Full PDB file with SEQRES, HELIX, SHEET, SSBOND, CRYST1, ORIGX, SCALE, CONECT and MASTER records, all heavy atoms in Angstrom:
SEQRES   1 A   48  THR ARG PRO GLY TRP ILE LEU THR ARG GLY ALA GLY ARG          
SEQRES   2 A   48  ASP LYS ARG CYS LEU ALA LEU ALA GLY LYS GLY THR PRO          
SEQRES   3 A   48  PRO GLY THR SER GLY THR GLN ILE ASN VAL ASP GLU ALA          
SEQRES   4 A   48  LEU LEU ARG THR THR PHE ASN HIS HIS                          
HELIX    1 AA1 GLU A   38  LEU A   41  1                                   4    
SHEET    1 AA1 2 GLY A   4  ALA A  11  0                                        
SHEET    2 AA1 2 CYS A  17  LYS A  23 -1                                        
CRYST1    1.000    1.000    1.000  90.00  90.00  90.00 P 1           1          
ORIGX1      1.000000  0.000000  0.000000        0.00000                         
ORIGX2      0.000000  1.000000  0.000000        0.00000                         
ORIGX3      0.000000  0.000000  1.000000        0.00000                         
SCALE1      1.000000  0.000000  0.000000        0.00000                         
SCALE2      0.000000  1.000000  0.000000        0.00000                         
SCALE3      0.000000  0.000000  1.000000        0.00000                         
ATOM      1  N   THR A   1     203.973  78.069  65.432  1.00  0.00           N  
ATOM      2  CA  THR A   1     204.658  77.350  66.528  1.00  0.00           C  
ATOM      3  C   THR A   1     205.476  76.194  65.952  1.00  0.00           C  
ATOM      4  O   THR A   1     205.257  75.748  64.855  1.00  0.00           O  
ATOM      5  CB  THR A   1     203.633  76.728  67.527  1.00  0.00           C  
ATOM      6  OG1 THR A   1     202.818  75.762  66.858  1.00  0.00           O  
ATOM      7  CG2 THR A   1     202.773  77.795  68.149  1.00  0.00           C  
ATOM      8  N   ARG A   2     206.459  75.761  66.745  1.00  0.00           N  
ATOM      9  CA  ARG A   2     207.278  74.576  66.450  1.00  0.00           C  
ATOM     10  C   ARG A   2     207.449  73.800  67.735  1.00  0.00           C  
ATOM     11  O   ARG A   2     207.686  74.409  68.769  1.00  0.00           O  
ATOM     12  CB  ARG A   2     208.649  74.993  65.928  1.00  0.00           C  
ATOM     13  CG  ARG A   2     208.698  75.639  64.594  1.00  0.00           C  
ATOM     14  CD  ARG A   2     208.615  74.577  63.496  1.00  0.00           C  
ATOM     15  NE  ARG A   2     208.725  75.198  62.218  1.00  0.00           N  
ATOM     16  CZ  ARG A   2     209.444  74.719  61.232  1.00  0.00           C  
ATOM     17  NH1 ARG A   2     210.129  73.604  61.357  1.00  0.00           N  
ATOM     18  NH2 ARG A   2     209.462  75.339  60.052  1.00  0.00           N  
ATOM     19  N   PRO A   3     207.377  72.474  67.702  1.00  0.00           N  
ATOM     20  CA  PRO A   3     207.576  71.711  68.929  1.00  0.00           C  
ATOM     21  C   PRO A   3     209.049  71.745  69.338  1.00  0.00           C  
ATOM     22  O   PRO A   3     209.933  71.748  68.515  1.00  0.00           O  
ATOM     23  CB  PRO A   3     207.139  70.304  68.542  1.00  0.00           C  
ATOM     24  CG  PRO A   3     207.286  70.239  67.049  1.00  0.00           C  
ATOM     25  CD  PRO A   3     207.051  71.657  66.554  1.00  0.00           C  
ATOM     26  N   GLY A   4     209.268  71.832  70.650  1.00  0.00           N  
ATOM     27  CA  GLY A   4     210.635  71.868  71.155  1.00  0.00           C  
ATOM     28  C   GLY A   4     210.664  71.668  72.644  1.00  0.00           C  
ATOM     29  O   GLY A   4     209.627  71.555  73.289  1.00  0.00           O  
ATOM     30  N   TRP A   5     211.875  71.616  73.222  1.00  0.00           N  
ATOM     31  CA  TRP A   5     212.011  71.379  74.636  1.00  0.00           C  
ATOM     32  C   TRP A   5     213.288  72.015  75.174  1.00  0.00           C  
ATOM     33  O   TRP A   5     214.197  72.352  74.421  1.00  0.00           O  
ATOM     34  CB  TRP A   5     212.044  69.865  74.927  1.00  0.00           C  
ATOM     35  CG  TRP A   5     212.902  69.081  73.995  1.00  0.00           C  
ATOM     36  CD1 TRP A   5     212.546  68.462  72.817  1.00  0.00           C  
ATOM     37  CD2 TRP A   5     214.313  68.802  74.152  1.00  0.00           C  
ATOM     38  NE1 TRP A   5     213.620  67.858  72.248  1.00  0.00           N  
ATOM     39  CE2 TRP A   5     214.722  68.026  73.064  1.00  0.00           C  
ATOM     40  CE3 TRP A   5     215.257  69.139  75.116  1.00  0.00           C  
ATOM     41  CZ2 TRP A   5     216.030  67.572  72.884  1.00  0.00           C  
ATOM     42  CZ3 TRP A   5     216.554  68.678  74.940  1.00  0.00           C  
ATOM     43  CH2 TRP A   5     216.938  67.924  73.848  1.00  0.00           C  
ATOM     44  N   ILE A   6     213.284  72.186  76.487  1.00  0.00           N  
ATOM     45  CA  ILE A   6     214.450  72.714  77.209  1.00  0.00           C  
ATOM     46  C   ILE A   6     214.688  71.861  78.430  1.00  0.00           C  
ATOM     47  O   ILE A   6     213.765  71.540  79.178  1.00  0.00           O  
ATOM     48  CB  ILE A   6     214.227  74.184  77.657  1.00  0.00           C  
ATOM     49  CG1 ILE A   6     214.061  75.086  76.433  1.00  0.00           C  
ATOM     50  CG2 ILE A   6     215.358  74.661  78.537  1.00  0.00           C  
ATOM     51  CD1 ILE A   6     213.660  76.497  76.782  1.00  0.00           C  
ATOM     52  N   LEU A   7     215.955  71.424  78.619  1.00  0.00           N  
ATOM     53  CA  LEU A   7     216.332  70.695  79.834  1.00  0.00           C  
ATOM     54  C   LEU A   7     217.225  71.597  80.635  1.00  0.00           C  
ATOM     55  O   LEU A   7     218.161  72.178  80.116  1.00  0.00           O  
ATOM     56  CB  LEU A   7     217.127  69.427  79.449  1.00  0.00           C  
ATOM     57  CG  LEU A   7     216.430  68.384  78.568  1.00  0.00           C  
ATOM     58  CD1 LEU A   7     217.381  67.222  78.285  1.00  0.00           C  
ATOM     59  CD2 LEU A   7     215.146  67.907  79.200  1.00  0.00           C  
ATOM     60  N   THR A   8     216.914  71.739  81.901  1.00  0.00           N  
ATOM     61  CA  THR A   8     217.749  72.534  82.787  1.00  0.00           C  
ATOM     62  C   THR A   8     217.724  71.962  84.192  1.00  0.00           C  
ATOM     63  O   THR A   8     216.793  71.290  84.567  1.00  0.00           O  
ATOM     64  CB  THR A   8     217.313  74.019  82.815  1.00  0.00           C  
ATOM     65  OG1 THR A   8     218.216  74.778  83.561  1.00  0.00           O  
ATOM     66  CG2 THR A   8     215.919  74.178  83.377  1.00  0.00           C  
ATOM     67  N   ARG A   9     218.774  72.258  84.936  1.00  0.00           N  
ATOM     68  CA  ARG A   9     218.840  71.767  86.310  1.00  0.00           C  
ATOM     69  C   ARG A   9     219.437  72.765  87.252  1.00  0.00           C  
ATOM     70  O   ARG A   9     219.154  72.748  88.456  1.00  0.00           O  
ATOM     71  CB  ARG A   9     219.648  70.472  86.357  1.00  0.00           C  
ATOM     72  CG  ARG A   9     219.708  69.872  87.724  1.00  0.00           C  
ATOM     73  CD  ARG A   9     220.423  68.587  87.717  1.00  0.00           C  
ATOM     74  NE  ARG A   9     220.783  68.233  89.078  1.00  0.00           N  
ATOM     75  CZ  ARG A   9     221.414  67.161  89.392  1.00  0.00           C  
ATOM     76  NH1 ARG A   9     221.795  66.305  88.457  1.00  0.00           N  
ATOM     77  NH2 ARG A   9     221.716  66.897  90.637  1.00  0.00           N  
ATOM     78  N   GLY A  10     220.286  73.636  86.781  1.00  0.00           N  
ATOM     79  CA  GLY A  10     220.945  74.554  87.700  1.00  0.00           C  
ATOM     80  C   GLY A  10     221.541  75.752  86.994  1.00  0.00           C  
ATOM     81  O   GLY A  10     221.178  76.065  85.868  1.00  0.00           O  
ATOM     82  N   ALA A  11     222.459  76.395  87.690  1.00  0.00           N  
ATOM     83  CA  ALA A  11     223.083  77.616  87.178  1.00  0.00           C  
ATOM     84  C   ALA A  11     224.605  77.466  87.265  1.00  0.00           C  
ATOM     85  O   ALA A  11     225.135  76.701  88.071  1.00  0.00           O  
ATOM     86  CB  ALA A  11     222.634  78.819  87.961  1.00  0.00           C  
ATOM     87  N   GLY A  12     225.299  78.199  86.410  1.00  0.00           N  
ATOM     88  CA  GLY A  12     226.757  78.200  86.414  1.00  0.00           C  
ATOM     89  C   GLY A  12     227.296  79.139  87.481  1.00  0.00           C  
ATOM     90  O   GLY A  12     226.550  79.759  88.249  1.00  0.00           O  
ATOM     91  N   ARG A  13     228.629  79.263  87.512  1.00  0.00           N  
ATOM     92  CA  ARG A  13     229.272  80.156  88.472  1.00  0.00           C  
ATOM     93  C   ARG A  13     228.809  81.573  88.362  1.00  0.00           C  
ATOM     94  O   ARG A  13     228.762  82.322  89.321  1.00  0.00           O  
ATOM     95  CB  ARG A  13     230.782  80.124  88.271  1.00  0.00           C  
ATOM     96  CG  ARG A  13     231.402  78.810  88.685  1.00  0.00           C  
ATOM     97  CD  ARG A  13     232.923  78.902  88.569  1.00  0.00           C  
ATOM     98  NE  ARG A  13     233.290  79.436  87.263  1.00  0.00           N  
ATOM     99  CZ  ARG A  13     234.189  78.918  86.452  1.00  0.00           C  
ATOM    100  NH1 ARG A  13     234.831  77.841  86.821  1.00  0.00           N  
ATOM    101  NH2 ARG A  13     234.433  79.446  85.297  1.00  0.00           N  
ATOM    102  N   ASP A  14     228.452  81.975  87.133  1.00  0.00           N  
ATOM    103  CA  ASP A  14     227.977  83.345  86.893  1.00  0.00           C  
ATOM    104  C   ASP A  14     226.487  83.503  87.129  1.00  0.00           C  
ATOM    105  O   ASP A  14     225.903  84.536  86.804  1.00  0.00           O  
ATOM    106  CB  ASP A  14     228.351  83.792  85.486  1.00  0.00           C  
ATOM    107  CG  ASP A  14     227.794  82.862  84.430  1.00  0.00           C  
ATOM    108  OD1 ASP A  14     227.014  81.938  84.781  1.00  0.00           O  
ATOM    109  OD2 ASP A  14     228.133  83.033  83.242  1.00  0.00           O  
ATOM    110  N   LYS A  15     225.839  82.493  87.650  1.00  0.00           N  
ATOM    111  CA  LYS A  15     224.413  82.492  88.010  1.00  0.00           C  
ATOM    112  C   LYS A  15     223.484  82.425  86.806  1.00  0.00           C  
ATOM    113  O   LYS A  15     222.309  82.639  86.949  1.00  0.00           O  
ATOM    114  CB  LYS A  15     224.041  83.679  88.894  1.00  0.00           C  
ATOM    115  CG  LYS A  15     224.902  83.883  90.116  1.00  0.00           C  
ATOM    116  CD  LYS A  15     224.664  82.795  91.109  1.00  0.00           C  
ATOM    117  CE  LYS A  15     225.428  83.139  92.392  1.00  0.00           C  
ATOM    118  NZ  LYS A  15     226.150  82.078  92.936  1.00  0.00           N  
ATOM    119  N   ARG A  16     224.053  82.127  85.599  1.00  0.00           N  
ATOM    120  CA  ARG A  16     223.194  81.991  84.430  1.00  0.00           C  
ATOM    121  C   ARG A  16     222.714  80.535  84.350  1.00  0.00           C  
ATOM    122  O   ARG A  16     223.424  79.601  84.698  1.00  0.00           O  
ATOM    123  CB  ARG A  16     223.942  82.348  83.158  1.00  0.00           C  
ATOM    124  CG  ARG A  16     224.190  83.848  83.080  1.00  0.00           C  
ATOM    125  CD  ARG A  16     224.769  84.234  81.743  1.00  0.00           C  
ATOM    126  NE  ARG A  16     226.126  83.723  81.662  1.00  0.00           N  
ATOM    127  CZ  ARG A  16     226.877  83.797  80.577  1.00  0.00           C  
ATOM    128  NH1 ARG A  16     226.387  84.316  79.464  1.00  0.00           N  
ATOM    129  NH2 ARG A  16     228.104  83.341  80.571  1.00  0.00           N  
ATOM    130  N   CYS A  17     221.513  80.376  83.862  1.00  0.00           N  
ATOM    131  CA  CYS A  17     220.896  79.042  83.709  1.00  0.00           C  
ATOM    132  C   CYS A  17     221.694  78.184  82.759  1.00  0.00           C  
ATOM    133  O   CYS A  17     222.144  78.640  81.712  1.00  0.00           O  
ATOM    134  CB  CYS A  17     219.487  79.259  83.158  1.00  0.00           C  
ATOM    135  SG  CYS A  17     218.603  77.730  82.853  1.00  0.00           S  
ATOM    136  N   LEU A  18     221.928  76.934  83.136  1.00  0.00           N  
ATOM    137  CA  LEU A  18     222.556  75.973  82.269  1.00  0.00           C  
ATOM    138  C   LEU A  18     221.429  75.123  81.666  1.00  0.00           C  
ATOM    139  O   LEU A  18     220.647  74.528  82.405  1.00  0.00           O  
ATOM    140  CB  LEU A  18     223.512  75.064  83.059  1.00  0.00           C  
ATOM    141  CG  LEU A  18     224.664  75.756  83.781  1.00  0.00           C  
ATOM    142  CD1 LEU A  18     225.449  74.748  84.593  1.00  0.00           C  
ATOM    143  CD2 LEU A  18     225.541  76.468  82.781  1.00  0.00           C  
ATOM    144  N   ALA A  19     221.351  75.095  80.344  1.00  0.00           N  
ATOM    145  CA  ALA A  19     220.241  74.403  79.704  1.00  0.00           C  
ATOM    146  C   ALA A  19     220.639  73.834  78.352  1.00  0.00           C  
ATOM    147  O   ALA A  19     221.596  74.290  77.734  1.00  0.00           O  
ATOM    148  CB  ALA A  19     219.068  75.370  79.516  1.00  0.00           C  
ATOM    149  N   LEU A  20     219.892  72.808  77.958  1.00  0.00           N  
ATOM    150  CA  LEU A  20     220.003  72.262  76.607  1.00  0.00           C  
ATOM    151  C   LEU A  20     218.673  72.475  75.926  1.00  0.00           C  
ATOM    152  O   LEU A  20     217.637  72.300  76.557  1.00  0.00           O  
ATOM    153  CB  LEU A  20     220.304  70.750  76.689  1.00  0.00           C  
ATOM    154  CG  LEU A  20     221.595  70.342  77.339  1.00  0.00           C  
ATOM    155  CD1 LEU A  20     221.657  68.802  77.499  1.00  0.00           C  
ATOM    156  CD2 LEU A  20     222.797  70.826  76.536  1.00  0.00           C  
ATOM    157  N   ALA A  21     218.687  72.817  74.658  1.00  0.00           N  
ATOM    158  CA  ALA A  21     217.454  73.039  73.902  1.00  0.00           C  
ATOM    159  C   ALA A  21     217.420  72.095  72.702  1.00  0.00           C  
ATOM    160  O   ALA A  21     218.429  71.825  72.087  1.00  0.00           O  
ATOM    161  CB  ALA A  21     217.390  74.480  73.432  1.00  0.00           C  
ATOM    162  N   GLY A  22     216.230  71.610  72.404  1.00  0.00           N  
ATOM    163  CA  GLY A  22     216.077  70.705  71.275  1.00  0.00           C  
ATOM    164  C   GLY A  22     214.758  70.919  70.571  1.00  0.00           C  
ATOM    165  O   GLY A  22     213.864  71.589  71.090  1.00  0.00           O  
ATOM    166  N   LYS A  23     214.657  70.357  69.378  1.00  0.00           N  
ATOM    167  CA  LYS A  23     213.408  70.476  68.630  1.00  0.00           C  
ATOM    168  C   LYS A  23     212.677  69.148  68.627  1.00  0.00           C  
ATOM    169  O   LYS A  23     213.284  68.094  68.886  1.00  0.00           O  
ATOM    170  CB  LYS A  23     213.700  70.931  67.181  1.00  0.00           C  
ATOM    171  CG  LYS A  23     214.531  69.966  66.364  1.00  0.00           C  
ATOM    172  CD  LYS A  23     214.783  70.560  64.988  1.00  0.00           C  
ATOM    173  CE  LYS A  23     215.638  69.614  64.174  1.00  0.00           C  
ATOM    174  NZ  LYS A  23     215.868  70.098  62.831  1.00  0.00           N  
ATOM    175  N   GLY A  24     211.393  69.204  68.382  1.00  0.00           N  
ATOM    176  CA  GLY A  24     210.591  67.966  68.306  1.00  0.00           C  
ATOM    177  C   GLY A  24     210.066  67.554  69.661  1.00  0.00           C  
ATOM    178  O   GLY A  24     209.923  68.351  70.583  1.00  0.00           O  
ATOM    179  N   THR A  25     209.821  66.271  69.777  1.00  0.00           N  
ATOM    180  CA  THR A  25     209.236  65.683  70.989  1.00  0.00           C  
ATOM    181  C   THR A  25     210.281  65.642  72.108  1.00  0.00           C  
ATOM    182  O   THR A  25     211.415  65.259  71.873  1.00  0.00           O  
ATOM    183  CB  THR A  25     208.740  64.259  70.722  1.00  0.00           C  
ATOM    184  OG1 THR A  25     207.823  64.297  69.630  1.00  0.00           O  
ATOM    185  CG2 THR A  25     208.110  63.633  71.935  1.00  0.00           C  
ATOM    186  N   PRO A  26     209.913  66.070  73.308  1.00  0.00           N  
ATOM    187  CA  PRO A  26     210.859  66.034  74.434  1.00  0.00           C  
ATOM    188  C   PRO A  26     211.373  64.588  74.692  1.00  0.00           C  
ATOM    189  O   PRO A  26     210.634  63.635  74.478  1.00  0.00           O  
ATOM    190  CB  PRO A  26     210.029  66.541  75.625  1.00  0.00           C  
ATOM    191  CG  PRO A  26     208.883  67.256  75.039  1.00  0.00           C  
ATOM    192  CD  PRO A  26     208.616  66.602  73.722  1.00  0.00           C  
ATOM    193  N   PRO A  27     212.596  64.486  75.206  1.00  0.00           N  
ATOM    194  CA  PRO A  27     213.146  63.151  75.446  1.00  0.00           C  
ATOM    195  C   PRO A  27     212.645  62.487  76.709  1.00  0.00           C  
ATOM    196  O   PRO A  27     213.068  61.383  77.061  1.00  0.00           O  
ATOM    197  CB  PRO A  27     214.659  63.431  75.550  1.00  0.00           C  
ATOM    198  CG  PRO A  27     214.721  64.848  76.034  1.00  0.00           C  
ATOM    199  CD  PRO A  27     213.560  65.538  75.434  1.00  0.00           C  
ATOM    200  N   GLY A  28     211.743  63.124  77.433  1.00  0.00           N  
ATOM    201  CA  GLY A  28     211.184  62.545  78.647  1.00  0.00           C  
ATOM    202  C   GLY A  28     210.003  63.368  79.143  1.00  0.00           C  
ATOM    203  O   GLY A  28     209.624  64.367  78.526  1.00  0.00           O  
ATOM    204  N   THR A  29     209.464  62.983  80.271  1.00  0.00           N  
ATOM    205  CA  THR A  29     208.308  63.660  80.848  1.00  0.00           C  
ATOM    206  C   THR A  29     208.751  64.898  81.639  1.00  0.00           C  
ATOM    207  O   THR A  29     209.723  64.845  82.387  1.00  0.00           O  
ATOM    208  CB  THR A  29     207.582  62.687  81.805  1.00  0.00           C  
ATOM    209  OG1 THR A  29     207.207  61.516  81.049  1.00  0.00           O  
ATOM    210  CG2 THR A  29     206.323  63.284  82.371  1.00  0.00           C  
ATOM    211  N   SER A  30     208.021  65.977  81.470  1.00  0.00           N  
ATOM    212  CA  SER A  30     208.313  67.212  82.205  1.00  0.00           C  
ATOM    213  C   SER A  30     208.338  66.977  83.705  1.00  0.00           C  
ATOM    214  O   SER A  30     207.489  66.274  84.250  1.00  0.00           O  
ATOM    215  CB  SER A  30     207.265  68.250  81.870  1.00  0.00           C  
ATOM    216  OG  SER A  30     207.535  69.465  82.518  1.00  0.00           O  
ATOM    217  N   GLY A  31     209.346  67.535  84.360  1.00  0.00           N  
ATOM    218  CA  GLY A  31     209.452  67.435  85.808  1.00  0.00           C  
ATOM    219  C   GLY A  31     210.205  66.191  86.301  1.00  0.00           C  
ATOM    220  O   GLY A  31     210.364  66.023  87.502  1.00  0.00           O  
ATOM    221  N   THR A  32     210.650  65.337  85.365  1.00  0.00           N  
ATOM    222  CA  THR A  32     211.382  64.185  85.791  1.00  0.00           C  
ATOM    223  C   THR A  32     212.864  64.320  85.437  1.00  0.00           C  
ATOM    224  O   THR A  32     213.230  65.141  84.614  1.00  0.00           O  
ATOM    225  CB  THR A  32     210.873  62.894  85.105  1.00  0.00           C  
ATOM    226  OG1 THR A  32     211.058  62.999  83.683  1.00  0.00           O  
ATOM    227  CG2 THR A  32     209.400  62.666  85.412  1.00  0.00           C  
ATOM    228  N   GLN A  33     213.705  63.517  86.076  1.00  0.00           N  
ATOM    229  CA  GLN A  33     215.139  63.548  85.743  1.00  0.00           C  
ATOM    230  C   GLN A  33     215.374  62.841  84.443  1.00  0.00           C  
ATOM    231  O   GLN A  33     214.872  61.723  84.229  1.00  0.00           O  
ATOM    232  CB  GLN A  33     215.951  62.890  86.852  1.00  0.00           C  
ATOM    233  CG  GLN A  33     217.442  62.949  86.586  1.00  0.00           C  
ATOM    234  CD  GLN A  33     218.235  62.464  87.778  1.00  0.00           C  
ATOM    235  OE1 GLN A  33     217.811  62.530  88.911  1.00  0.00           O  
ATOM    236  NE2 GLN A  33     219.444  62.019  87.498  1.00  0.00           N  
ATOM    237  N   ILE A  34     216.111  63.455  83.539  1.00  0.00           N  
ATOM    238  CA  ILE A  34     216.445  62.874  82.237  1.00  0.00           C  
ATOM    239  C   ILE A  34     217.961  62.794  82.149  1.00  0.00           C  
ATOM    240  O   ILE A  34     218.651  63.817  82.253  1.00  0.00           O  
ATOM    241  CB  ILE A  34     215.834  63.738  81.106  1.00  0.00           C  
ATOM    242  CG1 ILE A  34     214.330  63.770  81.232  1.00  0.00           C  
ATOM    243  CG2 ILE A  34     216.302  63.231  79.753  1.00  0.00           C  
ATOM    244  CD1 ILE A  34     213.644  64.775  80.352  1.00  0.00           C  
ATOM    245  N   ASN A  35     218.454  61.630  81.935  1.00  0.00           N  
ATOM    246  CA  ASN A  35     219.897  61.440  81.780  1.00  0.00           C  
ATOM    247  C   ASN A  35     220.296  61.801  80.347  1.00  0.00           C  
ATOM    248  O   ASN A  35     219.722  61.271  79.397  1.00  0.00           O  
ATOM    249  CB  ASN A  35     220.296  60.019  82.106  1.00  0.00           C  
ATOM    250  CG  ASN A  35     220.089  59.698  83.568  1.00  0.00           C  
ATOM    251  OD1 ASN A  35     220.398  60.512  84.435  1.00  0.00           O  
ATOM    252  ND2 ASN A  35     219.572  58.537  83.863  1.00  0.00           N  
ATOM    253  N   VAL A  36     221.233  62.684  80.218  1.00  0.00           N  
ATOM    254  CA  VAL A  36     221.700  63.145  78.901  1.00  0.00           C  
ATOM    255  C   VAL A  36     222.952  62.367  78.528  1.00  0.00           C  
ATOM    256  O   VAL A  36     224.003  62.506  79.148  1.00  0.00           O  
ATOM    257  CB  VAL A  36     221.996  64.651  78.897  1.00  0.00           C  
ATOM    258  CG1 VAL A  36     222.475  65.097  77.542  1.00  0.00           C  
ATOM    259  CG2 VAL A  36     220.723  65.428  79.295  1.00  0.00           C  
ATOM    260  N   ASP A  37     222.814  61.518  77.522  1.00  0.00           N  
ATOM    261  CA  ASP A  37     223.964  60.785  77.028  1.00  0.00           C  
ATOM    262  C   ASP A  37     224.471  61.474  75.748  1.00  0.00           C  
ATOM    263  O   ASP A  37     223.910  62.486  75.292  1.00  0.00           O  
ATOM    264  CB  ASP A  37     223.639  59.312  76.788  1.00  0.00           C  
ATOM    265  CG  ASP A  37     222.514  59.109  75.779  1.00  0.00           C  
ATOM    266  OD1 ASP A  37     222.126  60.053  75.065  1.00  0.00           O  
ATOM    267  OD2 ASP A  37     222.039  57.950  75.680  1.00  0.00           O  
ATOM    268  N   GLU A  38     225.538  60.933  75.166  1.00  0.00           N  
ATOM    269  CA  GLU A  38     226.122  61.567  73.991  1.00  0.00           C  
ATOM    270  C   GLU A  38     225.138  61.619  72.848  1.00  0.00           C  
ATOM    271  O   GLU A  38     225.067  62.594  72.118  1.00  0.00           O  
ATOM    272  CB  GLU A  38     227.384  60.793  73.567  1.00  0.00           C  
ATOM    273  CG  GLU A  38     228.109  61.471  72.424  1.00  0.00           C  
ATOM    274  CD  GLU A  38     229.396  60.774  72.017  1.00  0.00           C  
ATOM    275  OE1 GLU A  38     229.911  59.969  72.836  1.00  0.00           O  
ATOM    276  OE2 GLU A  38     229.860  61.020  70.905  1.00  0.00           O  
ATOM    277  N   ALA A  39     224.368  60.550  72.637  1.00  0.00           N  
ATOM    278  CA  ALA A  39     223.396  60.538  71.547  1.00  0.00           C  
ATOM    279  C   ALA A  39     222.359  61.660  71.678  1.00  0.00           C  
ATOM    280  O   ALA A  39     222.051  62.367  70.707  1.00  0.00           O  
ATOM    281  CB  ALA A  39     222.697  59.169  71.483  1.00  0.00           C  
ATOM    282  N   LEU A  40     221.841  61.869  72.885  1.00  0.00           N  
ATOM    283  CA  LEU A  40     220.865  62.945  73.104  1.00  0.00           C  
ATOM    284  C   LEU A  40     221.523  64.304  72.956  1.00  0.00           C  
ATOM    285  O   LEU A  40     220.998  65.203  72.317  1.00  0.00           O  
ATOM    286  CB  LEU A  40     220.219  62.820  74.490  1.00  0.00           C  
ATOM    287  CG  LEU A  40     219.232  63.930  74.874  1.00  0.00           C  
ATOM    288  CD1 LEU A  40     218.108  64.049  73.859  1.00  0.00           C  
ATOM    289  CD2 LEU A  40     218.680  63.680  76.288  1.00  0.00           C  
ATOM    290  N   LEU A  41     222.731  64.453  73.512  1.00  0.00           N  
ATOM    291  CA  LEU A  41     223.462  65.719  73.404  1.00  0.00           C  
ATOM    292  C   LEU A  41     223.659  66.122  71.960  1.00  0.00           C  
ATOM    293  O   LEU A  41     223.507  67.287  71.602  1.00  0.00           O  
ATOM    294  CB  LEU A  41     224.807  65.608  74.131  1.00  0.00           C  
ATOM    295  CG  LEU A  41     225.634  66.898  74.143  1.00  0.00           C  
ATOM    296  CD1 LEU A  41     224.907  68.001  74.882  1.00  0.00           C  
ATOM    297  CD2 LEU A  41     226.972  66.612  74.781  1.00  0.00           C  
ATOM    298  N   ARG A  42     223.947  65.165  71.096  1.00  0.00           N  
ATOM    299  CA  ARG A  42     224.172  65.466  69.666  1.00  0.00           C  
ATOM    300  C   ARG A  42     222.924  65.945  68.951  1.00  0.00           C  
ATOM    301  O   ARG A  42     223.018  66.482  67.852  1.00  0.00           O  
ATOM    302  CB  ARG A  42     224.788  64.254  68.962  1.00  0.00           C  
ATOM    303  CG  ARG A  42     226.214  64.013  69.352  1.00  0.00           C  
ATOM    304  CD  ARG A  42     226.799  62.830  68.588  1.00  0.00           C  
ATOM    305  NE  ARG A  42     228.146  62.556  69.005  1.00  0.00           N  
ATOM    306  CZ  ARG A  42     229.222  63.158  68.490  1.00  0.00           C  
ATOM    307  NH1 ARG A  42     229.073  64.082  67.558  1.00  0.00           N  
ATOM    308  NH2 ARG A  42     230.422  62.868  68.950  1.00  0.00           N  
ATOM    309  N   THR A  43     221.739  65.767  69.521  1.00  0.00           N  
ATOM    310  CA  THR A  43     220.499  66.237  68.898  1.00  0.00           C  
ATOM    311  C   THR A  43     220.142  67.648  69.291  1.00  0.00           C  
ATOM    312  O   THR A  43     219.206  68.229  68.794  1.00  0.00           O  
ATOM    313  CB  THR A  43     219.315  65.317  69.248  1.00  0.00           C  
ATOM    314  OG1 THR A  43     218.989  65.516  70.629  1.00  0.00           O  
ATOM    315  CG2 THR A  43     219.588  63.874  68.932  1.00  0.00           C  
ATOM    316  N   THR A  44     220.910  68.251  70.223  1.00  0.00           N  
ATOM    317  CA  THR A  44     220.534  69.551  70.759  1.00  0.00           C  
ATOM    318  C   THR A  44     221.024  70.729  69.920  1.00  0.00           C  
ATOM    319  O   THR A  44     221.973  70.636  69.163  1.00  0.00           O  
ATOM    320  CB  THR A  44     221.088  69.754  72.195  1.00  0.00           C  
ATOM    321  OG1 THR A  44     222.502  69.797  72.128  1.00  0.00           O  
ATOM    322  CG2 THR A  44     220.593  68.673  73.124  1.00  0.00           C  
ATOM    323  N   PHE A  45     220.310  71.833  70.091  1.00  0.00           N  
ATOM    324  CA  PHE A  45     220.710  73.100  69.480  1.00  0.00           C  
ATOM    325  C   PHE A  45     222.107  73.496  69.967  1.00  0.00           C  
ATOM    326  O   PHE A  45     222.938  73.977  69.211  1.00  0.00           O  
ATOM    327  CB  PHE A  45     219.694  74.185  69.854  1.00  0.00           C  
ATOM    328  CG  PHE A  45     220.092  75.573  69.407  1.00  0.00           C  
ATOM    329  CD1 PHE A  45     220.041  75.882  68.056  1.00  0.00           C  
ATOM    330  CD2 PHE A  45     220.470  76.515  70.315  1.00  0.00           C  
ATOM    331  CE1 PHE A  45     220.366  77.185  67.647  1.00  0.00           C  
ATOM    332  CE2 PHE A  45     220.835  77.791  69.908  1.00  0.00           C  
ATOM    333  CZ  PHE A  45     220.773  78.101  68.573  1.00  0.00           C  
ATOM    334  N   ASN A  46     222.382  73.224  71.239  1.00  0.00           N  
ATOM    335  CA  ASN A  46     223.675  73.538  71.850  1.00  0.00           C  
ATOM    336  C   ASN A  46     224.805  72.874  71.070  1.00  0.00           C  
ATOM    337  O   ASN A  46     225.802  73.515  70.760  1.00  0.00           O  
ATOM    338  CB  ASN A  46     223.718  73.077  73.310  1.00  0.00           C  
ATOM    339  CG  ASN A  46     222.555  73.534  74.107  1.00  0.00           C  
ATOM    340  OD1 ASN A  46     221.416  73.118  73.838  1.00  0.00           O  
ATOM    341  ND2 ASN A  46     222.777  74.364  75.111  1.00  0.00           N  
ATOM    342  N   HIS A  47     224.669  71.588  70.790  1.00  0.00           N  
ATOM    343  CA  HIS A  47     225.666  70.840  70.031  1.00  0.00           C  
ATOM    344  C   HIS A  47     225.844  71.450  68.633  1.00  0.00           C  
ATOM    345  O   HIS A  47     226.947  71.634  68.142  1.00  0.00           O  
ATOM    346  CB  HIS A  47     225.288  69.372  69.932  1.00  0.00           C  
ATOM    347  CG  HIS A  47     226.286  68.566  69.165  1.00  0.00           C  
ATOM    348  ND1 HIS A  47     226.158  68.296  67.844  1.00  0.00           N  
ATOM    349  CD2 HIS A  47     227.465  68.011  69.545  1.00  0.00           C  
ATOM    350  CE1 HIS A  47     227.188  67.586  67.416  1.00  0.00           C  
ATOM    351  NE2 HIS A  47     227.992  67.382  68.453  1.00  0.00           N  
ATOM    352  N   HIS A  48     224.729  71.785  67.992  1.00  0.00           N  
ATOM    353  CA  HIS A  48     224.785  72.335  66.648  1.00  0.00           C  
ATOM    354  C   HIS A  48     225.560  73.645  66.611  1.00  0.00           C  
ATOM    355  O   HIS A  48     226.462  73.806  65.772  1.00  0.00           O  
ATOM    356  CB  HIS A  48     223.352  72.562  66.117  1.00  0.00           C  
ATOM    357  CG  HIS A  48     223.306  73.243  64.804  1.00  0.00           C  
ATOM    358  ND1 HIS A  48     223.678  72.649  63.619  1.00  0.00           N  
ATOM    359  CD2 HIS A  48     222.985  74.528  64.502  1.00  0.00           C  
ATOM    360  CE1 HIS A  48     223.576  73.528  62.623  1.00  0.00           C  
ATOM    361  NE2 HIS A  48     223.139  74.657  63.133  1.00  0.00           N  
TER     362      HIS A  48                                                      
MASTER        0    0    0    1    2    0    0    6  361    1    0    4          
END                                                                             
């Protein structure tokens, strides 16, 4: 196993899930709203 997290809120026009994935400790508590700023975005698999 490896620690990681997924942030999602909705779907795109094509009905596919929009999500950000990252490794390590999640940036917030599960089930709560997490504001994604540029610094957090740069840590994601998506950015990479």
